[in-house]
C-alpha atoms as a PDB file:
ATOM      1  CA  MET A   1      59.641 121.214 103.369  1.00  0.00           C
ATOM      2  CA  SER A   2      58.270 124.537 104.110  1.00  0.00           C
ATOM      3  CA  LEU A   3      56.092 125.331 107.192  1.00  0.00           C
ATOM      4  CA  LYS A   4      53.070 125.961 104.777  1.00  0.00           C
ATOM      5  CA  GLY A   5      53.665 122.406 103.209  1.00  0.00           C
ATOM      6  CA  PHE A   6      53.799 120.687 106.593  1.00  0.00           C
ATOM      7  CA  HIS A   7      50.778 122.411 107.660  1.00  0.00           C
ATOM      8  CA  ILE A   8      48.844 121.271 104.586  1.00  0.00           C
ATOM      9  CA  VAL A   9      50.290 117.627 105.267  1.00  0.00           C
ATOM     10  CA  PHE A  10      49.389 117.833 109.034  1.00  0.00           C
ATOM     11  CA  ILE A  11      45.927 118.809 108.127  1.00  0.00           C
ATOM     12  CA  THR A  12      45.382 115.862 105.786  1.00  0.00           C
ATOM     13  CA  PHE A  13      46.656 113.425 108.262  1.00  0.00           C
ATOM     14  CA  SER A  14      44.474 114.743 111.093  1.00  0.00           C
ATOM     15  CA  THR A  15      41.466 114.449 108.811  1.00  0.00           C
ATOM     16  CA  LEU A  16      42.312 111.064 107.886  1.00  0.00           C
ATOM     17  CA  LEU A  17      42.905 110.093 111.465  1.00  0.00           C
ATOM     18  CA  ALA A  18      39.599 111.599 112.535  1.00  0.00           C
ATOM     19  CA  PHE A  19      37.629 109.602 109.838  1.00  0.00           C
ATOM     20  CA  GLY A  20      39.653 106.527 110.837  1.00  0.00           C
ATOM     21  CA  ILE A  21      38.664 107.042 114.409  1.00  0.00           C
ATOM     22  CA  GLY A  22      34.902 107.613 113.525  1.00  0.00           C
ATOM     23  CA  VAL A  23      35.071 104.312 111.551  1.00  0.00           C
ATOM     24  CA  TRP A  24      36.523 102.454 114.376  1.00  0.00           C
ATOM     25  CA  CYS A  25      34.004 103.770 116.916  1.00  0.00           C
ATOM     26  CA  LEU A  26      31.147 102.480 114.619  1.00  0.00           C
ATOM     27  CA  TRP A  27      32.977  99.096 114.368  1.00  0.00           C
ATOM     28  CA  ILE A  28      33.226  98.921 117.991  1.00  0.00           C
ATOM     29  CA  ASN A  29      29.676 100.144 118.529  1.00  0.00           C
ATOM     30  CA  SER A  30      28.451  97.269 116.162  1.00  0.00           C
ATOM     31  CA  MET A  31      29.986  94.636 118.372  1.00  0.00           C
ATOM     32  CA  GLY A  32      28.272  96.013 121.532  1.00  0.00           C
ATOM     33  CA  ALA A  33      25.862  98.743 121.858  1.00  0.00           C
ATOM     34  CA  THR A  34      27.210 101.638 123.746  1.00  0.00           C
ATOM     35  CA  SER A  35      26.158 105.266 123.286  1.00  0.00           C
ATOM     36  CA  SER A  36      29.509 106.555 124.138  1.00  0.00           C
ATOM     37  CA  TYR A  37      31.065 105.012 120.947  1.00  0.00           C
ATOM     38  CA  VAL A  38      28.107 106.576 118.741  1.00  0.00           C
ATOM     39  CA  VAL A  39      28.946 109.922 120.482  1.00  0.00           C
ATOM     40  CA  GLY A  40      32.693 109.494 119.589  1.00  0.00           C
ATOM     41  CA  ALA A  41      31.851 108.665 116.057  1.00  0.00           C
ATOM     42  CA  ILE A  42      29.731 111.638 115.530  1.00  0.00           C
ATOM     43  CA  LEU A  43      32.270 114.135 117.114  1.00  0.00           C
ATOM     44  CA  SER A  44      35.196 112.384 115.131  1.00  0.00           C
ATOM     45  CA  PHE A  45      33.308 112.950 111.877  1.00  0.00           C
ATOM     46  CA  ALA A  46      32.200 116.475 112.734  1.00  0.00           C
ATOM     47  CA  SER A  47      35.861 117.111 113.481  1.00  0.00           C
ATOM     48  CA  ALA A  48      36.807 115.696 110.244  1.00  0.00           C
ATOM     49  CA  ILE A  49      34.473 117.868 108.314  1.00  0.00           C
ATOM     50  CA  VAL A  50      35.776 120.834 110.171  1.00  0.00           C
ATOM     51  CA  LEU A  51      39.350 120.021 109.189  1.00  0.00           C
ATOM     52  CA  ILE A  52      38.437 119.768 105.667  1.00  0.00           C
ATOM     53  CA  ILE A  53      36.729 123.124 105.598  1.00  0.00           C
ATOM     54  CA  TYR A  54      39.773 124.565 107.287  1.00  0.00           C
ATOM     55  CA  GLY A  55      42.220 122.946 104.953  1.00  0.00           C
ATOM     56  CA  CYS A  56      40.277 124.234 102.152  1.00  0.00           C
ATOM     57  CA  TRP A  57      40.414 127.901 103.602  1.00  0.00           C
ATOM     58  CA  PHE A  58      43.955 127.736 104.266  1.00  0.00           C
ATOM     59  CA  TRP A  59      44.857 126.403 100.709  1.00  0.00           C
ATOM     60  CA  ARG A  60      42.698 129.090  99.006  1.00  0.00           C
ATOM     61  CA  LYS A  61      44.291 131.792 101.397  1.00  0.00           C
ATOM     62  CA  MET A  62      47.808 130.695 100.499  1.00  0.00           C
ATOM     63  CA  LYS A  63      47.074 130.620  96.706  1.00  0.00           C
ATOM     64  CA  ARG A  64      45.530 134.268  97.109  1.00  0.00           C
ATOM     65  CA  LEU A  65      48.596 135.535  98.705  1.00  0.00           C
ATOM     66  CA  ARG A  66      50.679 133.277  96.067  1.00  0.00           C
ATOM     67  CA  LEU A  67      52.508 131.430  98.517  1.00  0.00           C
ATOM     68  CA  ILE A  68      51.822 128.173  97.113  1.00  0.00           C
END
């Protein structure tokens, strides 16, 4: 696997992990109201959104350079 391919796979798994942590934080928060888990969920979802934007930017850049 090329470095570009690994980069895309890594960004995909990082995005899924960020969403998973956000869902986990919300689940833990539903069992006992603690504001730190809500903050963790918000930060995780924000990170996932930033990773999606970055992944799309990287994919478009590689297509423009005809490397993918």
